[in-house]
Amino acid sequence: MDKLDIVTDESGNEVVLLPEIIFSNKQNINWNDVEDYLGKYVGELIEIAETRDIIYIGNKFPDEYGGSSYTRKTKGARAKAKANAAQGIREMVEIATDKVYRENHKEKHSEDAHNGWFYYVTRFAIPLYNNEKKTGEYNVYSACLVVNHAANGKMYLYDVVGIKKKRVTHSRLSSSQVVQNRF
C-alpha cells in the first residue's frame, strides 16, 4: 500500500492529505463498507514519530471504528470525514501528537484497557470537489485517536473520535499553503 502525503500547514501542524473521497454519502454512510476497508490494516503496527510508541491495529478496530457510540451519533459532514479518514489511518497514527493518559474505569474494558487509555491529536484533510472534479483545496480536520493499553502490554488503536473541522478563516488547505512534504 502506498504512503499518503503528509504536509505541514501554516501553523506548523502535520496533516495527512487524503487522496480522494471514497465514501461520499453524507446522510447514509455504509459503515460495514468502512469496516471492510479497514480490515486491510489489521495486523499492522505503526510507530508514532513524536513518542516512539508502537500502536497495533487489532482485529477489533474496524468494528469499533464503524460501530462505536461516537460513530452512531455522528451525522452529515463529520460522518463523511470519519468514513474517509479510514484511508489515512496509518499516517494519522504516525503523526499523532499531544499524548494524554487516563485510567480505565469501565469493567467492560478491564482486559482490553487494563493499563488505561491514551489519547492523541491527529489531523487529516479531505479534498474538495466542484462538479466531481478536485479543486486542489482541502477541508482540514482534527481528531482524537483513542488507544487502549492492554493487559499484554501492547497499545491498540481503538477508535477515532472528536472530529472537528478547522474553525478559522483559513479552514481550507490548498497546494499553495503547503509548507513542506514530509516524504
N, C-alpha and C. Protein backbone atom coordinates (compact mmCIF):
# COMPACT_ATOMS: atom_id res chain seq x y z
N MET A 1 0.84 -1.18 0.00
CA MET A 1 0.00 0.00 0.00
C MET A 1 0.88 1.24 0.00
N ASP A 2 0.54 2.19 -0.83
CA ASP A 2 1.30 3.43 -0.92
C ASP A 2 1.08 4.29 0.31
N LYS A 3 2.12 5.05 0.65
CA LYS A 3 2.02 6.01 1.75
C LYS A 3 1.33 7.26 1.23
N LEU A 4 0.50 7.85 2.07
CA LEU A 4 -0.16 9.10 1.71
C LEU A 4 0.76 10.27 2.03
N ASP A 5 0.54 11.38 1.37
CA ASP A 5 1.33 12.57 1.62
C ASP A 5 0.98 13.16 2.98
N ILE A 6 2.02 13.60 3.67
CA ILE A 6 1.87 14.33 4.92
C ILE A 6 2.50 15.69 4.68
N VAL A 7 1.70 16.74 4.92
CA VAL A 7 2.17 18.10 4.70
C VAL A 7 2.14 18.87 6.01
N THR A 8 2.76 20.01 6.02
CA THR A 8 2.75 20.89 7.17
C THR A 8 1.94 22.12 6.82
N ASP A 9 0.95 22.45 7.66
CA ASP A 9 0.13 23.62 7.39
C ASP A 9 0.83 24.89 7.88
N GLU A 10 0.19 26.04 7.69
CA GLU A 10 0.82 27.31 8.05
C GLU A 10 1.05 27.46 9.54
N SER A 11 0.39 26.62 10.37
CA SER A 11 0.59 26.67 11.82
C SER A 11 1.66 25.68 12.28
N GLY A 12 2.24 24.95 11.35
CA GLY A 12 3.29 24.00 11.70
C GLY A 12 2.78 22.62 12.07
N ASN A 13 1.50 22.36 11.89
CA ASN A 13 0.92 21.06 12.20
C ASN A 13 1.02 20.13 11.00
N GLU A 14 1.35 18.88 11.25
CA GLU A 14 1.35 17.90 10.17
C GLU A 14 -0.09 17.48 9.88
N VAL A 15 -0.38 17.31 8.60
CA VAL A 15 -1.73 16.97 8.14
C VAL A 15 -1.60 15.87 7.08
N VAL A 16 -2.41 14.81 7.22
CA VAL A 16 -2.44 13.74 6.23
C VAL A 16 -3.39 14.15 5.12
N LEU A 17 -2.90 14.17 3.89
CA LEU A 17 -3.75 14.50 2.73
C LEU A 17 -4.41 13.23 2.22
N LEU A 18 -5.72 13.15 2.34
CA LEU A 18 -6.44 12.01 1.79
C LEU A 18 -6.54 12.21 0.29
N PRO A 19 -6.29 11.18 -0.49
CA PRO A 19 -6.23 11.36 -1.95
C PRO A 19 -7.57 11.59 -2.62
N GLU A 20 -8.65 11.05 -2.04
CA GLU A 20 -9.95 11.18 -2.68
C GLU A 20 -11.07 10.90 -1.68
N ILE A 21 -12.28 11.15 -2.11
CA ILE A 21 -13.46 10.80 -1.34
C ILE A 21 -13.90 9.42 -1.83
N ILE A 22 -13.84 8.42 -0.96
CA ILE A 22 -14.28 7.09 -1.38
C ILE A 22 -15.62 6.70 -0.75
N PHE A 23 -16.00 7.40 0.32
CA PHE A 23 -17.31 7.22 0.95
C PHE A 23 -18.02 8.57 0.86
N SER A 24 -18.92 8.71 -0.12
CA SER A 24 -19.41 10.04 -0.44
C SER A 24 -20.79 10.39 0.10
N ASN A 25 -21.54 9.47 0.60
CA ASN A 25 -22.90 9.76 1.03
C ASN A 25 -22.92 10.28 2.47
N LYS A 26 -23.14 11.58 2.65
CA LYS A 26 -23.15 12.18 3.99
C LYS A 26 -24.31 11.69 4.85
N GLN A 27 -25.43 11.36 4.24
CA GLN A 27 -26.63 11.02 5.00
C GLN A 27 -26.65 9.57 5.45
N ASN A 28 -26.14 8.67 4.65
CA ASN A 28 -26.21 7.25 4.97
C ASN A 28 -24.89 6.56 4.67
N ILE A 29 -23.92 6.77 5.52
CA ILE A 29 -22.64 6.09 5.35
C ILE A 29 -22.88 4.60 5.59
N ASN A 30 -22.36 3.77 4.71
CA ASN A 30 -22.43 2.33 4.91
C ASN A 30 -21.20 1.94 5.74
N TRP A 31 -21.38 1.88 7.05
CA TRP A 31 -20.26 1.62 7.95
C TRP A 31 -19.70 0.22 7.79
N ASN A 32 -20.51 -0.72 7.28
CA ASN A 32 -19.97 -2.06 7.01
C ASN A 32 -18.91 -1.99 5.92
N ASP A 33 -19.12 -1.13 4.91
CA ASP A 33 -18.11 -0.94 3.87
C ASP A 33 -16.84 -0.32 4.45
N VAL A 34 -17.00 0.62 5.37
CA VAL A 34 -15.84 1.25 6.02
C VAL A 34 -15.08 0.20 6.84
N GLU A 35 -15.81 -0.62 7.58
CA GLU A 35 -15.18 -1.67 8.38
C GLU A 35 -14.42 -2.65 7.48
N ASP A 36 -15.03 -3.02 6.35
CA ASP A 36 -14.35 -3.92 5.40
C ASP A 36 -13.07 -3.27 4.89
N TYR A 37 -13.13 -1.99 4.57
CA TYR A 37 -11.96 -1.25 4.09
C TYR A 37 -10.85 -1.28 5.15
N LEU A 38 -11.21 -1.04 6.41
CA LEU A 38 -10.22 -1.01 7.49
C LEU A 38 -9.60 -2.37 7.77
N GLY A 39 -10.28 -3.43 7.36
CA GLY A 39 -9.77 -4.78 7.60
C GLY A 39 -8.39 -5.00 7.02
N LYS A 40 -8.04 -4.28 5.97
CA LYS A 40 -6.71 -4.47 5.36
C LYS A 40 -5.57 -3.99 6.25
N TYR A 41 -5.88 -3.19 7.27
CA TYR A 41 -4.84 -2.69 8.17
C TYR A 41 -4.63 -3.58 9.40
N VAL A 42 -5.56 -4.52 9.63
CA VAL A 42 -5.46 -5.39 10.80
C VAL A 42 -4.14 -6.16 10.76
N GLY A 43 -3.45 -6.14 11.88
CA GLY A 43 -2.16 -6.82 11.99
C GLY A 43 -0.97 -5.88 11.83
N GLU A 44 -1.21 -4.66 11.36
CA GLU A 44 -0.11 -3.71 11.20
C GLU A 44 0.28 -3.10 12.53
N LEU A 45 1.52 -2.68 12.62
CA LEU A 45 1.96 -1.88 13.75
C LEU A 45 2.63 -0.64 13.21
N ILE A 46 2.35 0.47 13.89
CA ILE A 46 2.77 1.78 13.41
C ILE A 46 3.44 2.51 14.56
N GLU A 47 4.56 3.15 14.27
CA GLU A 47 5.25 3.92 15.29
C GLU A 47 4.83 5.38 15.21
N ILE A 48 4.46 5.93 16.36
CA ILE A 48 4.16 7.36 16.43
C ILE A 48 5.50 8.09 16.46
N ALA A 49 5.72 8.98 15.51
CA ALA A 49 7.00 9.67 15.38
C ALA A 49 7.37 10.46 16.62
N GLU A 50 6.42 11.16 17.22
CA GLU A 50 6.71 12.03 18.36
C GLU A 50 7.10 11.26 19.62
N THR A 51 6.44 10.14 19.91
CA THR A 51 6.64 9.43 21.18
C THR A 51 7.37 8.11 21.03
N ARG A 52 7.49 7.61 19.81
CA ARG A 52 8.07 6.30 19.51
C ARG A 52 7.20 5.15 20.04
N ASP A 53 5.94 5.45 20.43
CA ASP A 53 5.01 4.40 20.84
C ASP A 53 4.69 3.53 19.63
N ILE A 54 4.58 2.22 19.86
CA ILE A 54 4.17 1.30 18.81
C ILE A 54 2.68 1.01 19.01
N ILE A 55 1.90 1.29 17.98
CA ILE A 55 0.45 1.11 18.03
C ILE A 55 0.07 -0.04 17.09
N TYR A 56 -0.66 -0.99 17.63
CA TYR A 56 -1.12 -2.14 16.87
C TYR A 56 -2.53 -1.87 16.33
N ILE A 57 -2.78 -2.36 15.13
CA ILE A 57 -4.13 -2.35 14.58
C ILE A 57 -4.66 -3.77 14.79
N GLY A 58 -5.50 -3.93 15.79
CA GLY A 58 -6.04 -5.24 16.12
C GLY A 58 -7.31 -5.55 15.37
N ASN A 59 -7.77 -6.79 15.48
CA ASN A 59 -8.96 -7.21 14.74
C ASN A 59 -10.25 -6.60 15.27
N LYS A 60 -10.23 -5.97 16.43
CA LYS A 60 -11.43 -5.31 16.96
C LYS A 60 -11.58 -3.88 16.44
N PHE A 61 -10.51 -3.30 15.92
CA PHE A 61 -10.53 -1.91 15.50
C PHE A 61 -11.59 -1.60 14.44
N PRO A 62 -11.68 -2.35 13.33
CA PRO A 62 -12.69 -1.99 12.31
C PRO A 62 -14.12 -1.96 12.87
N ASP A 63 -14.47 -2.92 13.71
CA ASP A 63 -15.82 -2.96 14.29
C ASP A 63 -16.07 -1.76 15.19
N GLU A 64 -15.09 -1.40 16.00
CA GLU A 64 -15.26 -0.26 16.90
C GLU A 64 -15.35 1.04 16.10
N TYR A 65 -14.50 1.18 15.10
CA TYR A 65 -14.48 2.39 14.27
C TYR A 65 -15.84 2.62 13.61
N GLY A 66 -16.43 1.56 13.10
CA GLY A 66 -17.70 1.69 12.39
C GLY A 66 -18.93 1.56 13.27
N GLY A 67 -18.78 1.03 14.48
CA GLY A 67 -19.96 0.78 15.30
C GLY A 67 -19.96 1.39 16.68
N SER A 68 -19.00 2.25 16.97
CA SER A 68 -18.93 2.86 18.31
C SER A 68 -20.10 3.81 18.54
N SER A 69 -20.33 4.13 19.80
CA SER A 69 -21.41 5.08 20.12
C SER A 69 -21.10 6.44 19.48
N TYR A 70 -19.82 6.83 19.41
CA TYR A 70 -19.45 8.09 18.75
C TYR A 70 -19.86 8.05 17.28
N THR A 71 -19.55 6.94 16.61
CA THR A 71 -19.88 6.82 15.19
C THR A 71 -21.38 6.85 14.98
N ARG A 72 -22.13 6.15 15.82
CA ARG A 72 -23.59 6.11 15.66
C ARG A 72 -24.22 7.50 15.83
N LYS A 73 -23.61 8.34 16.65
CA LYS A 73 -24.13 9.70 16.87
C LYS A 73 -23.67 10.69 15.81
N THR A 74 -22.64 10.33 15.06
CA THR A 74 -22.04 11.23 14.08
C THR A 74 -22.85 11.23 12.79
N LYS A 75 -23.19 12.43 12.32
CA LYS A 75 -24.01 12.58 11.12
C LYS A 75 -23.37 13.59 10.16
N GLY A 76 -23.89 13.62 8.96
CA GLY A 76 -23.52 14.65 7.98
C GLY A 76 -22.06 14.66 7.60
N ALA A 77 -21.51 15.87 7.48
CA ALA A 77 -20.13 16.05 7.02
C ALA A 77 -19.12 15.39 7.96
N ARG A 78 -19.41 15.38 9.25
CA ARG A 78 -18.49 14.76 10.21
C ARG A 78 -18.45 13.24 10.00
N ALA A 79 -19.59 12.62 9.71
CA ALA A 79 -19.62 11.19 9.42
C ALA A 79 -18.84 10.89 8.14
N LYS A 80 -19.04 11.73 7.13
CA LYS A 80 -18.31 11.57 5.87
C LYS A 80 -16.81 11.71 6.10
N ALA A 81 -16.41 12.67 6.95
CA ALA A 81 -15.00 12.86 7.26
C ALA A 81 -14.43 11.64 7.96
N LYS A 82 -15.16 11.10 8.95
CA LYS A 82 -14.66 9.92 9.66
C LYS A 82 -14.54 8.73 8.72
N ALA A 83 -15.56 8.51 7.90
CA ALA A 83 -15.52 7.38 6.97
C ALA A 83 -14.31 7.48 6.04
N ASN A 84 -14.07 8.65 5.50
CA ASN A 84 -12.96 8.83 4.55
C ASN A 84 -11.60 8.86 5.23
N ALA A 85 -11.56 9.22 6.50
CA ALA A 85 -10.30 9.20 7.25
C ALA A 85 -9.72 7.79 7.31
N ALA A 86 -10.54 6.78 7.10
CA ALA A 86 -10.07 5.40 7.10
C ALA A 86 -8.90 5.20 6.13
N GLN A 87 -8.86 5.98 5.06
CA GLN A 87 -7.78 5.88 4.07
C GLN A 87 -6.42 6.23 4.66
N GLY A 88 -6.41 7.09 5.67
CA GLY A 88 -5.15 7.60 6.20
C GLY A 88 -4.83 7.15 7.61
N ILE A 89 -5.40 6.04 8.04
CA ILE A 89 -5.21 5.59 9.42
C ILE A 89 -3.74 5.44 9.77
N ARG A 90 -2.97 4.78 8.93
CA ARG A 90 -1.54 4.57 9.24
C ARG A 90 -0.82 5.90 9.44
N GLU A 91 -1.01 6.80 8.51
CA GLU A 91 -0.32 8.09 8.59
C GLU A 91 -0.85 8.95 9.73
N MET A 92 -2.15 8.85 10.01
CA MET A 92 -2.72 9.62 11.13
C MET A 92 -2.12 9.17 12.46
N VAL A 93 -1.86 7.88 12.60
CA VAL A 93 -1.19 7.37 13.80
C VAL A 93 0.25 7.88 13.82
N GLU A 94 0.91 7.80 12.71
CA GLU A 94 2.32 8.21 12.61
C GLU A 94 2.54 9.67 13.06
N ILE A 95 1.63 10.57 12.71
CA ILE A 95 1.82 11.99 13.01
C ILE A 95 1.16 12.42 14.33
N ALA A 96 0.59 11.48 15.07
CA ALA A 96 -0.14 11.81 16.30
C ALA A 96 0.75 12.56 17.30
N THR A 97 0.14 13.51 18.01
CA THR A 97 0.86 14.35 18.97
C THR A 97 0.03 14.47 20.25
N ASP A 98 0.59 15.16 21.22
CA ASP A 98 -0.12 15.58 22.44
C ASP A 98 -0.71 14.40 23.21
N LYS A 99 0.11 13.43 23.53
CA LYS A 99 -0.30 12.21 24.23
C LYS A 99 -0.84 12.54 25.63
N VAL A 100 -2.01 11.98 25.96
CA VAL A 100 -2.63 12.15 27.28
C VAL A 100 -3.04 10.77 27.77
N TYR A 101 -2.82 10.49 29.06
CA TYR A 101 -3.18 9.20 29.66
C TYR A 101 -4.39 9.34 30.57
N ARG A 102 -5.25 8.32 30.57
CA ARG A 102 -6.36 8.22 31.52
C ARG A 102 -6.49 6.77 31.96
N GLU A 103 -6.79 6.60 33.24
CA GLU A 103 -7.02 5.25 33.76
C GLU A 103 -8.33 4.70 33.20
N ASN A 104 -8.40 3.38 33.14
CA ASN A 104 -9.64 2.73 32.73
C ASN A 104 -10.56 2.64 33.94
N HIS A 105 -11.81 3.02 33.76
CA HIS A 105 -12.79 2.95 34.85
C HIS A 105 -13.98 2.07 34.52
N LYS A 106 -13.98 1.45 33.34
CA LYS A 106 -15.11 0.62 32.94
C LYS A 106 -14.74 -0.85 33.00
N GLU A 107 -15.55 -1.61 33.69
CA GLU A 107 -15.33 -3.05 33.83
C GLU A 107 -15.26 -3.75 32.48
N LYS A 108 -16.09 -3.32 31.52
CA LYS A 108 -16.12 -4.00 30.22
C LYS A 108 -14.79 -3.89 29.48
N HIS A 109 -13.93 -2.94 29.87
CA HIS A 109 -12.63 -2.78 29.23
C HIS A 109 -11.49 -3.26 30.14
N SER A 110 -11.79 -4.06 31.14
CA SER A 110 -10.77 -4.46 32.12
C SER A 110 -9.61 -5.22 31.49
N GLU A 111 -9.85 -5.97 30.43
CA GLU A 111 -8.77 -6.68 29.76
C GLU A 111 -8.15 -5.83 28.65
N ASP A 112 -9.00 -5.29 27.77
CA ASP A 112 -8.51 -4.52 26.62
C ASP A 112 -7.77 -3.25 27.04
N ALA A 113 -8.23 -2.60 28.09
CA ALA A 113 -7.59 -1.36 28.54
C ALA A 113 -7.14 -1.51 29.99
N HIS A 114 -6.60 -2.68 30.30
CA HIS A 114 -6.14 -2.98 31.66
C HIS A 114 -5.19 -1.90 32.19
N ASN A 115 -4.31 -1.43 31.32
CA ASN A 115 -3.33 -0.41 31.70
C ASN A 115 -3.76 1.00 31.33
N GLY A 116 -5.04 1.19 31.01
CA GLY A 116 -5.57 2.53 30.74
C GLY A 116 -5.69 2.86 29.27
N TRP A 117 -5.91 4.15 29.04
CA TRP A 117 -6.16 4.69 27.71
C TRP A 117 -5.19 5.82 27.41
N PHE A 118 -4.82 5.93 26.15
CA PHE A 118 -4.04 7.07 25.67
C PHE A 118 -4.84 7.77 24.58
N TYR A 119 -4.72 9.08 24.58
CA TYR A 119 -5.41 9.91 23.58
C TYR A 119 -4.36 10.77 22.90
N TYR A 120 -4.45 10.86 21.59
CA TYR A 120 -3.51 11.64 20.78
C TYR A 120 -4.31 12.53 19.82
N VAL A 121 -3.73 13.66 19.46
CA VAL A 121 -4.31 14.55 18.45
C VAL A 121 -3.70 14.21 17.10
N THR A 122 -4.53 14.19 16.08
CA THR A 122 -4.06 13.99 14.73
C THR A 122 -4.86 14.89 13.79
N ARG A 123 -4.40 15.01 12.54
CA ARG A 123 -5.07 15.88 11.58
C ARG A 123 -5.09 15.21 10.21
N PHE A 124 -6.16 15.49 9.47
CA PHE A 124 -6.26 14.99 8.11
C PHE A 124 -7.02 16.01 7.27
N ALA A 125 -6.86 15.91 5.95
CA ALA A 125 -7.50 16.85 5.03
C ALA A 125 -8.20 16.08 3.93
N ILE A 126 -9.43 16.50 3.65
CA ILE A 126 -10.26 15.86 2.63
C ILE A 126 -10.35 16.79 1.41
N PRO A 127 -10.12 16.25 0.21
CA PRO A 127 -10.17 17.11 -0.98
C PRO A 127 -11.58 17.64 -1.24
N LEU A 128 -11.62 18.86 -1.77
CA LEU A 128 -12.88 19.47 -2.16
C LEU A 128 -13.08 19.25 -3.66
N TYR A 129 -14.33 19.05 -4.03
CA TYR A 129 -14.69 18.81 -5.42
C TYR A 129 -15.64 19.88 -5.90
N ASN A 130 -15.58 20.16 -7.21
CA ASN A 130 -16.54 21.04 -7.87
C ASN A 130 -16.99 20.28 -9.11
N ASN A 131 -18.27 19.89 -9.14
CA ASN A 131 -18.80 19.09 -10.25
C ASN A 131 -17.96 17.83 -10.47
N GLU A 132 -17.70 17.12 -9.39
CA GLU A 132 -16.97 15.84 -9.40
C GLU A 132 -15.52 15.95 -9.86
N LYS A 133 -14.96 17.17 -9.85
CA LYS A 133 -13.56 17.37 -10.20
C LYS A 133 -12.87 18.01 -8.99
N LYS A 134 -11.69 17.48 -8.62
CA LYS A 134 -10.95 18.04 -7.49
C LYS A 134 -10.58 19.48 -7.76
N THR A 135 -10.69 20.31 -6.72
CA THR A 135 -10.39 21.74 -6.86
C THR A 135 -8.95 22.08 -6.49
N GLY A 136 -8.24 21.17 -5.81
CA GLY A 136 -6.90 21.48 -5.31
C GLY A 136 -6.93 22.04 -3.90
N GLU A 137 -8.12 22.20 -3.34
CA GLU A 137 -8.27 22.65 -1.97
C GLU A 137 -8.75 21.49 -1.10
N TYR A 138 -8.52 21.63 0.20
CA TYR A 138 -8.88 20.59 1.15
C TYR A 138 -9.54 21.19 2.38
N ASN A 139 -10.50 20.49 2.95
CA ASN A 139 -11.01 20.83 4.27
C ASN A 139 -10.15 20.08 5.28
N VAL A 140 -9.68 20.80 6.29
CA VAL A 140 -8.78 20.24 7.29
C VAL A 140 -9.57 19.91 8.56
N TYR A 141 -9.30 18.73 9.11
CA TYR A 141 -9.96 18.27 10.32
C TYR A 141 -8.92 17.86 11.36
N SER A 142 -9.29 18.05 12.62
CA SER A 142 -8.50 17.47 13.71
C SER A 142 -9.33 16.34 14.29
N ALA A 143 -8.68 15.41 14.96
CA ALA A 143 -9.37 14.27 15.55
C ALA A 143 -8.55 13.76 16.72
N CYS A 144 -9.18 12.92 17.51
CA CYS A 144 -8.54 12.29 18.65
C CYS A 144 -8.44 10.79 18.40
N LEU A 145 -7.22 10.27 18.44
CA LEU A 145 -7.02 8.83 18.35
C LEU A 145 -7.16 8.26 19.76
N VAL A 146 -7.97 7.23 19.91
CA VAL A 146 -8.16 6.56 21.19
C VAL A 146 -7.39 5.24 21.12
N VAL A 147 -6.48 5.04 22.07
CA VAL A 147 -5.62 3.86 22.08
C VAL A 147 -5.76 3.19 23.44
N ASN A 148 -6.02 1.87 23.44
CA ASN A 148 -6.05 1.17 24.72
C ASN A 148 -4.72 0.49 24.98
N HIS A 149 -4.36 0.44 26.25
CA HIS A 149 -3.12 -0.20 26.69
C HIS A 149 -3.52 -1.49 27.38
N ALA A 150 -3.42 -2.58 26.65
CA ALA A 150 -3.97 -3.87 27.07
C ALA A 150 -3.12 -4.54 28.15
N ALA A 151 -3.70 -5.57 28.74
CA ALA A 151 -3.02 -6.35 29.78
C ALA A 151 -1.74 -6.99 29.26
N ASN A 152 -1.66 -7.27 27.96
CA ASN A 152 -0.45 -7.87 27.39
C ASN A 152 0.67 -6.84 27.18
N GLY A 153 0.41 -5.58 27.55
CA GLY A 153 1.42 -4.53 27.44
C GLY A 153 1.42 -3.81 26.10
N LYS A 154 0.64 -4.30 25.14
CA LYS A 154 0.60 -3.67 23.82
C LYS A 154 -0.43 -2.55 23.80
N MET A 155 -0.23 -1.61 22.89
CA MET A 155 -1.15 -0.50 22.70
C MET A 155 -1.89 -0.71 21.38
N TYR A 156 -3.22 -0.69 21.44
CA TYR A 156 -4.06 -0.96 20.29
C TYR A 156 -4.90 0.25 19.94
N LEU A 157 -4.93 0.58 18.64
CA LEU A 157 -5.81 1.65 18.18
C LEU A 157 -7.25 1.19 18.38
N TYR A 158 -8.05 2.03 19.04
CA TYR A 158 -9.41 1.65 19.41
C TYR A 158 -10.46 2.38 18.57
N ASP A 159 -10.28 3.70 18.40
CA ASP A 159 -11.27 4.47 17.65
C ASP A 159 -10.68 5.84 17.30
N VAL A 160 -11.38 6.55 16.45
CA VAL A 160 -11.07 7.94 16.12
C VAL A 160 -12.33 8.74 16.45
N VAL A 161 -12.19 9.70 17.34
CA VAL A 161 -13.34 10.46 17.84
C VAL A 161 -13.01 11.96 17.81
N GLY A 162 -13.95 12.77 18.24
CA GLY A 162 -13.72 14.21 18.37
C GLY A 162 -13.33 14.88 17.08
N ILE A 163 -13.89 14.45 15.98
CA ILE A 163 -13.53 15.01 14.68
C ILE A 163 -14.12 16.41 14.55
N LYS A 164 -13.23 17.37 14.25
CA LYS A 164 -13.66 18.76 14.13
C LYS A 164 -13.01 19.40 12.92
N LYS A 165 -13.84 20.11 12.16
CA LYS A 165 -13.31 20.87 11.03
C LYS A 165 -12.59 22.09 11.60
N LYS A 166 -11.45 22.42 11.01
CA LYS A 166 -10.69 23.58 11.47
C LYS A 166 -11.56 24.82 11.37
N ARG A 167 -11.75 25.51 12.48
CA ARG A 167 -12.70 26.63 12.56
C ARG A 167 -12.00 27.98 12.56
N VAL A 168 -11.29 28.27 11.49
CA VAL A 168 -10.67 29.58 11.33
C VAL A 168 -10.95 30.05 9.92
N THR A 169 -10.61 31.27 9.64
CA THR A 169 -10.92 31.80 8.31
C THR A 169 -10.21 31.01 7.21
N HIS A 170 -9.08 30.40 7.52
CA HIS A 170 -8.35 29.60 6.53
C HIS A 170 -8.57 28.13 6.81
N SER A 171 -9.83 27.69 6.83
CA SER A 171 -10.13 26.30 7.16
C SER A 171 -9.84 25.36 6.00
N ARG A 172 -9.43 25.91 4.89
CA ARG A 172 -9.09 25.07 3.74
C ARG A 172 -7.59 25.14 3.49
N LEU A 173 -7.07 24.02 3.09
CA LEU A 173 -5.66 23.90 2.75
C LEU A 173 -5.60 23.80 1.23
N SER A 174 -4.72 24.57 0.63
CA SER A 174 -4.54 24.46 -0.82
C SER A 174 -3.08 24.18 -1.11
N SER A 175 -2.81 23.78 -2.32
CA SER A 175 -1.43 23.45 -2.67
C SER A 175 -0.49 24.62 -2.45
N SER A 176 -0.98 25.83 -2.53
CA SER A 176 -0.13 27.00 -2.32
C SER A 176 0.18 27.22 -0.84
N GLN A 177 -0.63 26.62 0.07
CA GLN A 177 -0.41 26.78 1.50
C GLN A 177 0.45 25.66 2.10
N VAL A 178 0.73 24.66 1.33
CA VAL A 178 1.52 23.53 1.84
C VAL A 178 2.95 24.01 2.04
N VAL A 179 3.43 23.89 3.27
CA VAL A 179 4.77 24.36 3.59
C VAL A 179 5.82 23.34 3.17
N GLN A 180 5.60 22.07 3.48
CA GLN A 180 6.59 21.07 3.09
C GLN A 180 5.94 19.71 3.01
N ASN A 181 6.49 18.87 2.17
CA ASN A 181 6.12 17.47 2.11
C ASN A 181 7.09 16.71 2.96
N ARG A 182 6.61 15.77 3.75
CA ARG A 182 7.49 15.02 4.63
C ARG A 182 8.17 13.89 3.91
N PHE A 183 7.60 13.40 2.85
CA PHE A 183 8.18 12.24 2.16
C PHE A 183 8.64 12.62 0.78
